[in-house]
Amino acid sequence: WRPTQGSDPAAAAAGVDPNAPPAAGGDWRAQLQPEARSRIVNKIMETLKKHLPVSVPEGLNELQKIAVRFEEKIYTAATNQ
């Protein structure tokens, strides 16, 4: 069973092309657009900034690196979206 074309607003919001054919092996990562990963990193950054206030640019750069590494680990370990 496949949903009708363009019927999954959650997938579109997550950066997945609902009109893309299923990836070989059904790997959801192949359908995830790079912009979606950037949005996730930005959300992680906002959360880090709320809990770890940083006032210097070097600190923000370090938080950005942490957010990117965290997203990469979660992306790699995730079994589904």
Protein backbone atom coordinates (compact mmCIF):
# COMPACT_ATOMS: atom_id res chain seq x y z
CA TRP A 1 0.00 0.00 0.00
CA ARG A 2 1.20 3.50 -0.87
CA PRO A 3 -0.56 6.74 0.00
CA THR A 4 -1.91 8.75 -2.88
CA GLN A 5 0.44 11.21 -4.48
CA GLY A 6 1.18 14.23 -2.28
CA SER A 7 -1.13 13.08 0.52
CA ASP A 8 1.35 13.09 3.39
CA PRO A 9 1.81 16.64 4.72
CA ALA A 10 4.04 15.35 7.55
CA ALA A 11 6.47 13.87 5.03
CA ALA A 12 6.57 17.11 3.08
CA ALA A 13 7.21 19.09 6.27
CA ALA A 14 10.03 16.69 7.14
CA GLY A 15 11.71 17.33 3.80
CA VAL A 16 10.74 14.06 2.17
CA ASP A 17 9.49 14.22 -1.39
CA PRO A 18 6.11 12.44 -1.25
CA ASN A 19 6.18 11.96 -5.02
CA ALA A 20 9.59 10.28 -5.08
CA PRO A 21 9.59 6.57 -5.87
CA PRO A 22 10.49 4.32 -2.94
CA ALA A 23 14.23 3.96 -2.51
CA ALA A 24 15.88 0.64 -3.15
CA GLY A 25 15.62 -1.36 0.04
CA GLY A 26 13.10 1.13 1.41
CA ASP A 27 15.76 3.35 3.01
CA TRP A 28 14.03 6.58 4.05
CA ARG A 29 17.37 8.43 4.14
CA ALA A 30 17.60 8.37 0.35
CA GLN A 31 14.42 10.46 0.13
CA LEU A 32 15.38 13.00 2.80
CA GLN A 33 16.32 16.35 1.29
CA PRO A 34 19.47 18.13 2.57
CA GLU A 35 17.36 21.15 3.59
CA ALA A 36 15.51 18.94 6.06
CA ARG A 37 18.75 18.00 7.80
CA SER A 38 19.75 21.67 7.95
CA ARG A 39 16.42 22.53 9.58
CA ILE A 40 16.98 19.79 12.15
CA VAL A 41 20.47 21.12 12.94
CA ASN A 42 18.96 24.61 13.37
CA LYS A 43 16.36 23.27 15.80
CA ILE A 44 19.09 21.51 17.78
CA MET A 45 21.05 24.79 17.82
CA GLU A 46 18.06 26.71 19.19
CA THR A 47 17.61 24.14 21.95
CA LEU A 48 21.31 24.23 22.84
CA LYS A 49 21.27 28.04 22.97
CA LYS A 50 18.30 27.98 25.35
CA HIS A 51 20.06 25.63 27.76
CA LEU A 52 23.65 26.77 27.26
CA PRO A 53 23.69 30.55 26.88
CA VAL A 54 26.74 31.64 24.90
CA SER A 55 27.69 35.25 24.27
CA VAL A 56 30.88 34.99 22.22
CA PRO A 57 31.01 34.02 18.51
CA GLU A 58 33.51 31.24 19.24
CA GLY A 59 30.97 29.67 21.58
CA LEU A 60 28.27 29.78 18.90
CA ASN A 61 30.64 28.11 16.43
CA GLU A 62 31.29 25.37 18.98
CA LEU A 63 27.55 24.89 19.56
CA GLN A 64 27.06 24.63 15.78
CA LYS A 65 29.70 21.88 15.60
CA ILE A 66 28.02 20.04 18.47
CA ALA A 67 24.61 20.31 16.79
CA VAL A 68 25.97 18.99 13.48
CA ARG A 69 27.73 16.05 15.15
CA PHE A 70 24.62 15.22 17.17
CA GLU A 71 22.38 15.30 14.08
CA GLU A 72 24.83 13.08 12.18
CA LYS A 73 24.87 10.49 14.97
CA ILE A 74 21.08 10.43 15.25
CA TYR A 75 20.67 10.31 11.44
CA THR A 76 23.10 7.40 11.18
CA ALA A 77 21.58 5.45 14.08
CA ALA A 78 17.92 6.02 13.17
CA THR A 79 16.04 3.03 11.82
CA ASN A 80 13.15 5.15 10.58
CA GLN A 81 12.03 8.72 10.39
